[in-house]
Amino acid sequence: MTQQEWPLWEVFIRSKQGLDHKHVGSLHAADAAMAVQNARDVYTRRLEGVSIWVVESKHIHASNPDDAEAFFDPAADKVYRHPTFYEVPDSIKHM
């Protein structure tokens, strides 16, 4: 496999202050190990991250933004899915 044929990988970094991974960009790499190494070199040069995820782009499937109204509206009539009925104690962090 030549460098031009390397698959595209999406890179997600979890920062020191955050609890979730955020998409930071994309890169080409021959395999997952190389993608992690390259992601570390490219996206954490200033020690921003504590965790790196890489996902080959072809494995990501997403909803179509044009279908958002039909796709997400059915959830609006299911109020029990929204935690508006609960009080979260102050001792619970990161909710």
C-alpha atoms as a PDB file:
ATOM      1  CA  MET A   1       0.000   0.000   0.000  1.00  0.00           C
ATOM      2  CA  THR A   2       1.454   3.346  -1.005  1.00  0.00           C
ATOM      3  CA  GLN A   3       1.152   6.479   1.097  1.00  0.00           C
ATOM      4  CA  GLN A   4      -1.500   7.843  -1.271  1.00  0.00           C
ATOM      5  CA  GLU A   5      -3.660   4.768  -0.548  1.00  0.00           C
ATOM      6  CA  TRP A   6      -3.526   5.077   3.254  1.00  0.00           C
ATOM      7  CA  PRO A   7      -7.014   5.334   4.776  1.00  0.00           C
ATOM      8  CA  LEU A   8      -8.337   8.487   6.397  1.00  0.00           C
ATOM      9  CA  TRP A   9      -8.635   8.448  10.206  1.00  0.00           C
ATOM     10  CA  GLU A  10     -10.696  10.768  12.404  1.00  0.00           C
ATOM     11  CA  VAL A  11      -8.935  11.903  15.595  1.00  0.00           C
ATOM     12  CA  PHE A  12     -10.594  12.569  18.957  1.00  0.00           C
ATOM     13  CA  ILE A  13      -8.686  14.001  21.944  1.00  0.00           C
ATOM     14  CA  ARG A  14      -9.739  14.174  25.589  1.00  0.00           C
ATOM     15  CA  SER A  15      -8.232  17.233  27.232  1.00  0.00           C
ATOM     16  CA  LYS A  16      -6.935  17.375  30.786  1.00  0.00           C
ATOM     17  CA  GLN A  17      -9.900  19.503  31.839  1.00  0.00           C
ATOM     18  CA  GLY A  18     -12.595  17.582  29.943  1.00  0.00           C
ATOM     19  CA  LEU A  19     -14.429  14.341  30.404  1.00  0.00           C
ATOM     20  CA  ASP A  20     -15.333  13.791  26.772  1.00  0.00           C
ATOM     21  CA  HIS A  21     -13.328  13.314  23.625  1.00  0.00           C
ATOM     22  CA  LYS A  22     -13.620  16.060  20.999  1.00  0.00           C
ATOM     23  CA  HIS A  23     -13.010  15.701  17.283  1.00  0.00           C
ATOM     24  CA  VAL A  24      -9.852  17.624  16.448  1.00  0.00           C
ATOM     25  CA  GLY A  25      -9.157  16.627  12.867  1.00  0.00           C
ATOM     26  CA  SER A  26      -8.251  13.932  10.396  1.00  0.00           C
ATOM     27  CA  LEU A  27      -5.099  12.295   9.102  1.00  0.00           C
ATOM     28  CA  HIS A  28      -3.939   9.511   6.800  1.00  0.00           C
ATOM     29  CA  ALA A  29      -2.124   6.499   8.252  1.00  0.00           C
ATOM     30  CA  ALA A  30      -1.400   2.912   7.239  1.00  0.00           C
ATOM     31  CA  ASP A  31      -2.938   1.387  10.385  1.00  0.00           C
ATOM     32  CA  ALA A  32      -4.407   2.245  13.799  1.00  0.00           C
ATOM     33  CA  ALA A  33      -1.054   2.234  15.612  1.00  0.00           C
ATOM     34  CA  MET A  34       0.410   4.688  13.109  1.00  0.00           C
ATOM     35  CA  ALA A  35      -2.739   6.814  13.332  1.00  0.00           C
ATOM     36  CA  VAL A  36      -2.397   7.082  17.137  1.00  0.00           C
ATOM     37  CA  GLN A  37       1.299   7.980  16.849  1.00  0.00           C
ATOM     38  CA  ASN A  38       0.655  10.587  14.160  1.00  0.00           C
ATOM     39  CA  ALA A  39      -2.322  12.001  16.095  1.00  0.00           C
ATOM     40  CA  ARG A  40      -0.114  12.391  19.160  1.00  0.00           C
ATOM     41  CA  ASP A  41       2.545  14.179  17.125  1.00  0.00           C
ATOM     42  CA  VAL A  42       0.118  16.451  15.266  1.00  0.00           C
ATOM     43  CA  TYR A  43      -2.656  17.183  17.783  1.00  0.00           C
ATOM     44  CA  THR A  44      -0.999  17.054  21.228  1.00  0.00           C
ATOM     45  CA  ARG A  45       2.230  18.983  20.693  1.00  0.00           C
ATOM     46  CA  ARG A  46       1.524  21.208  23.693  1.00  0.00           C
ATOM     47  CA  LEU A  47       0.540  18.404  26.090  1.00  0.00           C
ATOM     48  CA  GLU A  48      -3.167  19.204  25.625  1.00  0.00           C
ATOM     49  CA  GLY A  49      -4.484  15.656  25.796  1.00  0.00           C
ATOM     50  CA  VAL A  50      -4.674  12.708  28.127  1.00  0.00           C
ATOM     51  CA  SER A  51      -6.373  10.269  25.733  1.00  0.00           C
ATOM     52  CA  ILE A  52      -6.500   9.787  21.963  1.00  0.00           C
ATOM     53  CA  TRP A  53      -9.081   7.907  19.938  1.00  0.00           C
ATOM     54  CA  VAL A  54      -8.698   7.227  16.225  1.00  0.00           C
ATOM     55  CA  VAL A  55     -11.454   5.823  14.039  1.00  0.00           C
ATOM     56  CA  GLU A  56     -11.112   4.934  10.410  1.00  0.00           C
ATOM     57  CA  SER A  57     -13.433   7.351   8.608  1.00  0.00           C
ATOM     58  CA  LYS A  58     -15.178   4.636   6.620  1.00  0.00           C
ATOM     59  CA  HIS A  59     -16.522   3.194   9.898  1.00  0.00           C
ATOM     60  CA  ILE A  60     -18.326   6.390  10.916  1.00  0.00           C
ATOM     61  CA  HIS A  61     -21.970   6.623   9.944  1.00  0.00           C
ATOM     62  CA  ALA A  62     -23.996   9.753  10.534  1.00  0.00           C
ATOM     63  CA  SER A  63     -27.509  11.041  10.122  1.00  0.00           C
ATOM     64  CA  ASN A  64     -28.225  13.423   7.274  1.00  0.00           C
ATOM     65  CA  PRO A  65     -28.622  17.051   8.464  1.00  0.00           C
ATOM     66  CA  ASP A  66     -31.383  17.508   5.865  1.00  0.00           C
ATOM     67  CA  ASP A  67     -33.425  14.840   7.704  1.00  0.00           C
ATOM     68  CA  ALA A  68     -32.953  16.389  11.162  1.00  0.00           C
ATOM     69  CA  GLU A  69     -36.562  17.480  11.636  1.00  0.00           C
ATOM     70  CA  ALA A  70     -38.062  14.072  10.881  1.00  0.00           C
ATOM     71  CA  PHE A  71     -35.222  12.224  12.593  1.00  0.00           C
ATOM     72  CA  PHE A  72     -35.197  14.104  15.921  1.00  0.00           C
ATOM     73  CA  ASP A  73     -38.761  15.406  16.321  1.00  0.00           C
ATOM     74  CA  PRO A  74     -40.285  12.111  17.539  1.00  0.00           C
ATOM     75  CA  ALA A  75     -38.243  12.459  20.740  1.00  0.00           C
ATOM     76  CA  ALA A  76     -40.055  15.683  21.650  1.00  0.00           C
ATOM     77  CA  ASP A  77     -43.244  13.825  22.631  1.00  0.00           C
ATOM     78  CA  LYS A  78     -41.391  11.526  25.036  1.00  0.00           C
ATOM     79  CA  VAL A  79     -40.820  13.850  27.983  1.00  0.00           C
ATOM     80  CA  TYR A  80     -39.858  10.941  30.206  1.00  0.00           C
ATOM     81  CA  ARG A  81     -36.587  10.762  28.273  1.00  0.00           C
ATOM     82  CA  HIS A  82     -35.560  14.184  29.514  1.00  0.00           C
ATOM     83  CA  PRO A  83     -34.293  14.428  33.100  1.00  0.00           C
ATOM     84  CA  THR A  84     -36.362  17.516  33.891  1.00  0.00           C
ATOM     85  CA  PHE A  85     -38.247  15.727  36.664  1.00  0.00           C
ATOM     86  CA  TYR A  86     -35.171  15.035  38.782  1.00  0.00           C
ATOM     87  CA  GLU A  87     -33.149  17.221  41.081  1.00  0.00           C
ATOM     88  CA  VAL A  88     -29.454  16.474  40.993  1.00  0.00           C
ATOM     89  CA  PRO A  89     -27.727  16.879  44.369  1.00  0.00           C
ATOM     90  CA  ASP A  90     -24.914  19.439  44.504  1.00  0.00           C
ATOM     91  CA  SER A  91     -22.498  16.671  45.480  1.00  0.00           C
ATOM     92  CA  ILE A  92     -22.853  15.125  42.020  1.00  0.00           C
ATOM     93  CA  LYS A  93     -20.182  16.559  39.736  1.00  0.00           C
ATOM     94  CA  HIS A  94     -19.952  16.495  35.932  1.00  0.00           C
ATOM     95  CA  MET A  95     -23.630  15.958  35.119  1.00  0.00           C
END
